[in-house]
Amino acid sequence: LSSNCELLLSSGTKAPQKFEPFIS
C-alpha cells in the first residue's frame, strides 16, 4: 500500500502496510 492509501478489512481492522489478500 502507498503511504496515502488505507485498506480496510472485513474483520473490522485496517490492513498492515504489507498485506497478503489470499492464503496462496
PDB file of all heavy atoms in Angstrom:
ATOM      1  N   LEU A   1       0.826  -1.195   0.000  1.00  0.00           N
ATOM      2  CA  LEU A   1       0.000   0.000   0.000  1.00  0.00           C
ATOM      3  C   LEU A   1       0.863   1.249   0.000  1.00  0.00           C
ATOM      4  O   LEU A   1       1.878   1.314   0.672  1.00  0.00           O
ATOM      5  CB  LEU A   1      -0.904   0.009   1.239  1.00  0.00           C
ATOM      6  CG  LEU A   1      -1.791  -1.221   1.423  1.00  0.00           C
ATOM      7  CD1 LEU A   1      -2.631  -1.056   2.674  1.00  0.00           C
ATOM      8  CD2 LEU A   1      -2.681  -1.436   0.217  1.00  0.00           C
ATOM      9  N   SER A   2       0.450   2.255  -0.768  1.00  0.00           N
ATOM     10  CA  SER A   2       1.154   3.520  -0.752  1.00  0.00           C
ATOM     11  C   SER A   2       0.877   4.239   0.560  1.00  0.00           C
ATOM     12  O   SER A   2      -0.035   3.895   1.301  1.00  0.00           O
ATOM     13  CB  SER A   2       0.708   4.384  -1.933  1.00  0.00           C
ATOM     14  OG  SER A   2      -0.639   4.800  -1.752  1.00  0.00           O
ATOM     15  N   SER A   3       1.646   5.274   0.830  1.00  0.00           N
ATOM     16  CA  SER A   3       1.531   5.979   2.108  1.00  0.00           C
ATOM     17  C   SER A   3       0.212   6.711   2.254  1.00  0.00           C
ATOM     18  O   SER A   3      -0.202   7.025   3.370  1.00  0.00           O
ATOM     19  CB  SER A   3       2.693   6.963   2.263  1.00  0.00           C
ATOM     20  OG  SER A   3       2.669   7.903   1.192  1.00  0.00           O
ATOM     21  N   ASN A   4      -0.465   7.013   1.149  1.00  0.00           N
ATOM     22  CA  ASN A   4      -1.733   7.735   1.235  1.00  0.00           C
ATOM     23  C   ASN A   4      -2.920   6.847   0.881  1.00  0.00           C
ATOM     24  O   ASN A   4      -3.951   7.312   0.421  1.00  0.00           O
ATOM     25  CB  ASN A   4      -1.705   8.966   0.326  1.00  0.00           C
ATOM     26  CG  ASN A   4      -1.443   8.606  -1.127  1.00  0.00           C
ATOM     27  OD1 ASN A   4      -1.083   7.472  -1.440  1.00  0.00           O
ATOM     28  ND2 ASN A   4      -1.625   9.576  -2.016  1.00  0.00           N
ATOM     29  N   CYS A   5      -2.790   5.555   1.088  1.00  0.00           N
ATOM     30  CA  CYS A   5      -3.872   4.610   0.815  1.00  0.00           C
ATOM     31  C   CYS A   5      -4.078   3.718   2.033  1.00  0.00           C
ATOM     32  O   CYS A   5      -3.119   3.267   2.651  1.00  0.00           O
ATOM     33  CB  CYS A   5      -3.547   3.760  -0.404  1.00  0.00           C
ATOM     34  SG  CYS A   5      -4.769   2.484  -0.760  1.00  0.00           S
ATOM     35  N   GLU A   6      -5.330   3.497   2.399  1.00  0.00           N
ATOM     36  CA  GLU A   6      -5.663   2.602   3.507  1.00  0.00           C
ATOM     37  C   GLU A   6      -6.505   1.452   2.976  1.00  0.00           C
ATOM     38  O   GLU A   6      -7.387   1.656   2.138  1.00  0.00           O
ATOM     39  CB  GLU A   6      -6.444   3.341   4.604  1.00  0.00           C
ATOM     40  CG  GLU A   6      -5.751   4.561   5.178  1.00  0.00           C
ATOM     41  CD  GLU A   6      -4.591   4.205   6.086  1.00  0.00           C
ATOM     42  OE1 GLU A   6      -4.302   3.000   6.244  1.00  0.00           O
ATOM     43  OE2 GLU A   6      -3.962   5.127   6.626  1.00  0.00           O
ATOM     44  N   LEU A   7      -6.252   0.255   3.454  1.00  0.00           N
ATOM     45  CA  LEU A   7      -7.012  -0.924   3.074  1.00  0.00           C
ATOM     46  C   LEU A   7      -7.780  -1.412   4.300  1.00  0.00           C
ATOM     47  O   LEU A   7      -7.179  -1.816   5.299  1.00  0.00           O
ATOM     48  CB  LEU A   7      -6.074  -2.020   2.559  1.00  0.00           C
ATOM     49  CG  LEU A   7      -6.740  -3.311   2.076  1.00  0.00           C
ATOM     50  CD1 LEU A   7      -7.655  -3.030   0.883  1.00  0.00           C
ATOM     51  CD2 LEU A   7      -5.688  -4.337   1.695  1.00  0.00           C
ATOM     52  N   LEU A   8      -9.105  -1.324   4.242  1.00  0.00           N
ATOM     53  CA  LEU A   8      -9.947  -1.751   5.351  1.00  0.00           C
ATOM     54  C   LEU A   8     -10.372  -3.193   5.126  1.00  0.00           C
ATOM     55  O   LEU A   8     -10.781  -3.567   4.033  1.00  0.00           O
ATOM     56  CB  LEU A   8     -11.182  -0.846   5.450  1.00  0.00           C
ATOM     57  CG  LEU A   8     -10.916   0.657   5.507  1.00  0.00           C
ATOM     58  CD1 LEU A   8     -12.216   1.420   5.626  1.00  0.00           C
ATOM     59  CD2 LEU A   8      -9.980   0.989   6.663  1.00  0.00           C
ATOM     60  N   LEU A   9     -10.306  -3.996   6.192  1.00  0.00           N
ATOM     61  CA  LEU A   9     -10.592  -5.421   6.086  1.00  0.00           C
ATOM     62  C   LEU A   9     -11.985  -5.741   6.601  1.00  0.00           C
ATOM     63  O   LEU A   9     -12.546  -5.037   7.439  1.00  0.00           O
ATOM     64  CB  LEU A   9      -9.540  -6.211   6.887  1.00  0.00           C
ATOM     65  CG  LEU A   9      -8.080  -5.999   6.481  1.00  0.00           C
ATOM     66  CD1 LEU A   9      -7.168  -6.852   7.357  1.00  0.00           C
ATOM     67  CD2 LEU A   9      -7.870  -6.311   5.008  1.00  0.00           C
ATOM     68  N   SER A  10     -12.518  -6.850   6.112  1.00  0.00           N
ATOM     69  CA  SER A  10     -13.863  -7.267   6.503  1.00  0.00           C
ATOM     70  C   SER A  10     -13.955  -7.633   7.976  1.00  0.00           C
ATOM     71  O   SER A  10     -15.042  -7.681   8.538  1.00  0.00           O
ATOM     72  CB  SER A  10     -14.306  -8.460   5.654  1.00  0.00           C
ATOM     73  OG  SER A  10     -13.461  -9.578   5.886  1.00  0.00           O
ATOM     74  N   SER A  11     -12.825  -7.886   8.617  1.00  0.00           N
ATOM     75  CA  SER A  11     -12.810  -8.231  10.048  1.00  0.00           C
ATOM     76  C   SER A  11     -12.931  -7.008  10.939  1.00  0.00           C
ATOM     77  O   SER A  11     -12.958  -7.127  12.159  1.00  0.00           O
ATOM     78  CB  SER A  11     -11.517  -8.984  10.384  1.00  0.00           C
ATOM     79  OG  SER A  11     -10.379  -8.230   9.995  1.00  0.00           O
ATOM     80  N   GLY A  12     -12.991  -5.803  10.347  1.00  0.00           N
ATOM     81  CA  GLY A  12     -13.153  -4.585  11.132  1.00  0.00           C
ATOM     82  C   GLY A  12     -11.853  -3.933  11.530  1.00  0.00           C
ATOM     83  O   GLY A  12     -11.841  -3.071  12.408  1.00  0.00           O
ATOM     84  N   THR A  13     -10.755  -4.321  10.895  1.00  0.00           N
ATOM     85  CA  THR A  13      -9.453  -3.746  11.196  1.00  0.00           C
ATOM     86  C   THR A  13      -8.843  -3.158   9.926  1.00  0.00           C
ATOM     87  O   THR A  13      -9.352  -3.369   8.821  1.00  0.00           O
ATOM     88  CB  THR A  13      -8.491  -4.804  11.769  1.00  0.00           C
ATOM     89  OG1 THR A  13      -8.351  -5.881  10.826  1.00  0.00           O
ATOM     90  CG2 THR A  13      -9.029  -5.367  13.082  1.00  0.00           C
ATOM     91  N   LYS A  14      -7.742  -2.440  10.114  1.00  0.00           N
ATOM     92  CA  LYS A  14      -7.012  -1.872   8.982  1.00  0.00           C
ATOM     93  C   LYS A  14      -5.850  -2.789   8.639  1.00  0.00           C
ATOM     94  O   LYS A  14      -5.165  -3.303   9.511  1.00  0.00           O
ATOM     95  CB  LYS A  14      -6.501  -0.476   9.349  1.00  0.00           C
ATOM     96  CG  LYS A  14      -5.787   0.237   8.229  1.00  0.00           C
ATOM     97  CD  LYS A  14      -5.401   1.649   8.630  1.00  0.00           C
ATOM     98  CE  LYS A  14      -4.312   1.653   9.681  1.00  0.00           C
ATOM     99  NZ  LYS A  14      -3.827   3.031   9.956  1.00  0.00           N
ATOM    100  N   ALA A  15      -5.620  -2.986   7.341  1.00  0.00           N
ATOM    101  CA  ALA A  15      -4.555  -3.881   6.904  1.00  0.00           C
ATOM    102  C   ALA A  15      -3.191  -3.267   7.194  1.00  0.00           C
ATOM    103  O   ALA A  15      -3.022  -2.051   7.158  1.00  0.00           O
ATOM    104  CB  ALA A  15      -4.681  -4.149   5.409  1.00  0.00           C
ATOM    105  N   PRO A  16      -2.190  -4.099   7.499  1.00  0.00           N
ATOM    106  CA  PRO A  16      -0.825  -3.607   7.655  1.00  0.00           C
ATOM    107  C   PRO A  16      -0.263  -3.153   6.313  1.00  0.00           C
ATOM    108  O   PRO A  16      -0.876  -3.372   5.262  1.00  0.00           O
ATOM    109  CB  PRO A  16      -0.066  -4.826   8.195  1.00  0.00           C
ATOM    110  CG  PRO A  16      -0.858  -5.995   7.698  1.00  0.00           C
ATOM    111  CD  PRO A  16      -2.292  -5.551   7.694  1.00  0.00           C
ATOM    112  N   GLN A  17       0.899  -2.514   6.331  1.00  0.00           N
ATOM    113  CA  GLN A  17       1.489  -1.985   5.102  1.00  0.00           C
ATOM    114  C   GLN A  17       1.699  -3.077   4.053  1.00  0.00           C
ATOM    115  O   GLN A  17       1.453  -2.885   2.875  1.00  0.00           O
ATOM    116  CB  GLN A  17       2.817  -1.298   5.422  1.00  0.00           C
ATOM    117  CG  GLN A  17       3.376  -0.452   4.290  1.00  0.00           C
ATOM    118  CD  GLN A  17       2.534   0.791   4.000  1.00  0.00           C
ATOM    119  OE1 GLN A  17       1.764   1.211   4.857  1.00  0.00           O
ATOM    120  NE2 GLN A  17       2.674   1.354   2.810  1.00  0.00           N
ATOM    121  N   LYS A  18       2.159  -4.238   4.487  1.00  0.00           N
ATOM    122  CA  LYS A  18       2.268  -5.404   3.605  1.00  0.00           C
ATOM    123  C   LYS A  18       1.154  -6.377   3.981  1.00  0.00           C
ATOM    124  O   LYS A  18       1.106  -6.855   5.115  1.00  0.00           O
ATOM    125  CB  LYS A  18       3.626  -6.084   3.773  1.00  0.00           C
ATOM    126  CG  LYS A  18       4.780  -5.393   3.074  1.00  0.00           C
ATOM    127  CD  LYS A  18       4.804  -5.760   1.582  1.00  0.00           C
ATOM    128  CE  LYS A  18       6.078  -5.284   0.917  1.00  0.00           C
ATOM    129  NZ  LYS A  18       6.133  -5.719  -0.500  1.00  0.00           N
ATOM    130  N   PHE A  19       0.288  -6.659   3.049  1.00  0.00           N
ATOM    131  CA  PHE A  19      -0.876  -7.489   3.361  1.00  0.00           C
ATOM    132  C   PHE A  19      -1.011  -8.598   2.341  1.00  0.00           C
ATOM    133  O   PHE A  19      -0.875  -8.374   1.135  1.00  0.00           O
ATOM    134  CB  PHE A  19      -2.148  -6.639   3.364  1.00  0.00           C
ATOM    135  CG  PHE A  19      -3.407  -7.434   3.596  1.00  0.00           C
ATOM    136  CD1 PHE A  19      -3.638  -8.056   4.807  1.00  0.00           C
ATOM    137  CD2 PHE A  19      -4.347  -7.570   2.584  1.00  0.00           C
ATOM    138  CE1 PHE A  19      -4.797  -8.800   5.014  1.00  0.00           C
ATOM    139  CE2 PHE A  19      -5.499  -8.308   2.786  1.00  0.00           C
ATOM    140  CZ  PHE A  19      -5.721  -8.925   4.006  1.00  0.00           C
ATOM    141  N   GLU A  20      -1.267  -9.820   2.820  1.00  0.00           N
ATOM    142  CA  GLU A  20      -1.484 -10.979   1.958  1.00  0.00           C
ATOM    143  C   GLU A  20      -2.990 -11.182   1.775  1.00  0.00           C
ATOM    144  O   GLU A  20      -3.674 -11.650   2.684  1.00  0.00           O
ATOM    145  CB  GLU A  20      -0.871 -12.232   2.589  1.00  0.00           C
ATOM    146  CG  GLU A  20       0.625 -12.139   2.856  1.00  0.00           C
ATOM    147  CD  GLU A  20       1.435 -12.184   1.568  1.00  0.00           C
ATOM    148  OE1 GLU A  20       0.894 -12.654   0.557  1.00  0.00           O
ATOM    149  OE2 GLU A  20       2.587 -11.726   1.588  1.00  0.00           O
ATOM    150  N   PRO A  21      -3.555 -10.795   0.618  1.00  0.00           N
ATOM    151  CA  PRO A  21      -5.005 -10.894   0.440  1.00  0.00           C
ATOM    152  C   PRO A  21      -5.520 -12.317   0.312  1.00  0.00           C
ATOM    153  O   PRO A  21      -6.680 -12.580   0.590  1.00  0.00           O
ATOM    154  CB  PRO A  21      -5.251 -10.098  -0.839  1.00  0.00           C
ATOM    155  CG  PRO A  21      -3.970 -10.174  -1.584  1.00  0.00           C
ATOM    156  CD  PRO A  21      -2.891 -10.212  -0.548  1.00  0.00           C
ATOM    157  N   PHE A  22      -4.657 -13.243  -0.125  1.00  0.00           N
ATOM    158  CA  PHE A  22      -5.054 -14.636  -0.241  1.00  0.00           C
ATOM    159  C   PHE A  22      -4.008 -15.517   0.429  1.00  0.00           C
ATOM    160  O   PHE A  22      -2.834 -15.145   0.544  1.00  0.00           O
ATOM    161  CB  PHE A  22      -5.209 -15.056  -1.704  1.00  0.00           C
ATOM    162  CG  PHE A  22      -6.225 -14.252  -2.452  1.00  0.00           C
ATOM    163  CD1 PHE A  22      -5.840 -13.367  -3.447  1.00  0.00           C
ATOM    164  CD2 PHE A  22      -7.576 -14.374  -2.154  1.00  0.00           C
ATOM    165  CE1 PHE A  22      -6.779 -12.608  -4.125  1.00  0.00           C
ATOM    166  CE2 PHE A  22      -8.516 -13.619  -2.829  1.00  0.00           C
ATOM    167  CZ  PHE A  22      -8.123 -12.741  -3.817  1.00  0.00           C
ATOM    168  N   ILE A  23      -4.433 -16.683   0.866  1.00  0.00           N
ATOM    169  CA  ILE A  23      -3.523 -17.599   1.533  1.00  0.00           C
ATOM    170  C   ILE A  23      -2.418 -18.052   0.594  1.00  0.00           C
ATOM    171  O   ILE A  23      -1.264 -18.214   0.985  1.00  0.00           O
ATOM    172  CB  ILE A  23      -4.315 -18.796   2.105  1.00  0.00           C
ATOM    173  CG1 ILE A  23      -5.226 -18.309   3.251  1.00  0.00           C
ATOM    174  CG2 ILE A  23      -3.378 -19.892   2.595  1.00  0.00           C
ATOM    175  CD1 ILE A  23      -6.107 -19.383   3.828  1.00  0.00           C
ATOM    176  N   SER A  24      -2.745 -18.248  -0.696  1.00  0.00           N
ATOM    177  CA  SER A  24      -1.732 -18.592  -1.691  1.00  0.00           C
ATOM    178  C   SER A  24      -2.154 -18.039  -3.044  1.00  0.00           C
ATOM    179  O   SER A  24      -3.333 -17.745  -3.268  1.00  0.00           O
ATOM    180  CB  SER A  24      -1.540 -20.108  -1.774  1.00  0.00           C
ATOM    181  OG  SER A  24      -2.651 -20.713  -2.420  1.00  0.00           O
TER     182      SER A  24
END
